[in-house]
Amino acid sequence: MKLVTLARWAELTFEDPPSVTTLRMWARTNRFDPPAQKVGRSYYVAIGSKYREPPQPEFIPQDNSLVSRMIRDMTGYPSKRIGN
């Protein structure tokens, strides 16, 4: 299995590739199948890797606790701010 950098994988996969920052976030949150590998400070993925959406949690607390804010940030749900 040949590994390539995130930027190279994006060039091969997309017409208009996402930014390297987005690709790193995908690697950190395990959105590649098979998962990305971190070597030193760089991430590498197999050429045939696919992007996959993470599963949505069944329940997201609606309070403003740290745990619920972290869950909403990880899943992409909009943050609930005090006073909104």
Protein backbone atom coordinates (compact mmCIF):
# COMPACT_ATOMS: atom_id res chain seq x y z
CA MET A 1 0.00 0.00 0.00
CA LYS A 2 1.64 3.21 -1.19
CA LEU A 3 1.18 6.25 1.05
CA VAL A 4 1.00 9.84 -0.20
CA THR A 5 0.72 13.19 1.54
CA LEU A 6 -2.70 14.68 2.21
CA ALA A 7 -2.14 17.41 -0.40
CA ARG A 8 -1.19 14.87 -3.08
CA TRP A 9 -4.20 12.66 -2.21
CA ALA A 10 -6.49 15.68 -2.54
CA GLU A 11 -5.03 16.55 -5.95
CA LEU A 12 -5.71 13.01 -7.16
CA THR A 13 -9.21 12.84 -5.65
CA PHE A 14 -10.82 16.26 -6.14
CA GLU A 15 -11.09 18.74 -9.00
CA ASP A 16 -11.04 21.58 -6.49
CA PRO A 17 -9.21 20.13 -3.46
CA PRO A 18 -9.94 21.27 0.11
CA SER A 19 -7.31 23.25 1.99
CA VAL A 20 -4.48 21.45 3.77
CA THR A 21 -5.95 22.66 7.09
CA THR A 22 -9.23 20.88 6.30
CA LEU A 23 -7.38 17.73 5.25
CA ARG A 24 -5.43 17.71 8.53
CA MET A 25 -8.68 18.07 10.48
CA TRP A 26 -10.10 15.11 8.56
CA ALA A 27 -7.00 13.07 9.44
CA ARG A 28 -7.16 14.03 13.13
CA THR A 29 -10.86 13.14 13.36
CA ASN A 30 -10.42 9.79 11.55
CA ARG A 31 -12.43 10.61 8.43
CA PHE A 32 -10.33 8.52 6.04
CA ASP A 33 -10.90 4.85 5.31
CA PRO A 34 -8.32 3.36 5.80
CA PRO A 35 -7.20 5.87 8.47
CA ALA A 36 -4.41 8.36 7.86
CA GLN A 37 -1.02 7.67 9.43
CA LYS A 38 1.03 10.34 11.15
CA VAL A 39 4.75 10.16 10.48
CA GLY A 40 6.65 12.87 12.31
CA ARG A 41 4.63 16.04 11.76
CA SER A 42 2.96 14.96 8.51
CA TYR A 43 -0.07 12.80 7.73
CA TYR A 44 -0.07 10.20 4.97
CA VAL A 45 -2.96 8.26 3.42
CA ALA A 46 -3.20 5.36 1.00
CA ILE A 47 -3.85 6.39 -2.59
CA GLY A 48 -7.17 4.50 -2.58
CA SER A 49 -8.40 6.05 0.68
CA LYS A 50 -11.94 7.37 0.77
CA TYR A 51 -13.40 10.25 2.75
CA ARG A 52 -16.23 9.25 5.05
CA GLU A 53 -18.55 11.31 7.19
CA PRO A 54 -18.34 10.50 10.89
CA PRO A 55 -21.45 8.93 12.42
CA GLN A 56 -23.78 11.44 14.05
CA PRO A 57 -24.31 10.97 17.78
CA GLU A 58 -27.76 9.87 18.85
CA PHE A 59 -28.00 12.54 21.53
CA ILE A 60 -26.24 15.87 21.90
CA PRO A 61 -26.78 17.69 25.19
CA GLN A 62 -28.26 21.15 24.69
CA ASP A 63 -26.68 22.75 27.74
CA ASN A 64 -23.58 24.92 27.48
CA SER A 65 -21.25 22.54 29.31
CA LEU A 66 -17.74 21.90 28.07
CA VAL A 67 -18.60 18.32 27.08
CA SER A 68 -21.61 19.34 24.99
CA ARG A 69 -19.62 22.12 23.28
CA MET A 70 -16.85 19.63 22.45
CA ILE A 71 -19.37 17.14 21.01
CA ARG A 72 -20.98 19.85 18.88
CA ASP A 73 -17.56 21.03 17.64
CA MET A 74 -16.48 17.49 16.73
CA THR A 75 -19.72 16.69 14.89
CA GLY A 76 -20.16 20.01 13.11
CA TYR A 77 -23.36 20.99 14.87
CA PRO A 78 -23.75 24.74 15.43
CA SER A 79 -22.71 25.91 18.86
CA LYS A 80 -25.39 27.06 21.23
CA ARG A 81 -24.26 30.36 22.72
CA ILE A 82 -25.59 31.97 25.85
CA GLY A 83 -27.82 34.88 24.98
CA ASN A 84 -28.78 33.68 21.47
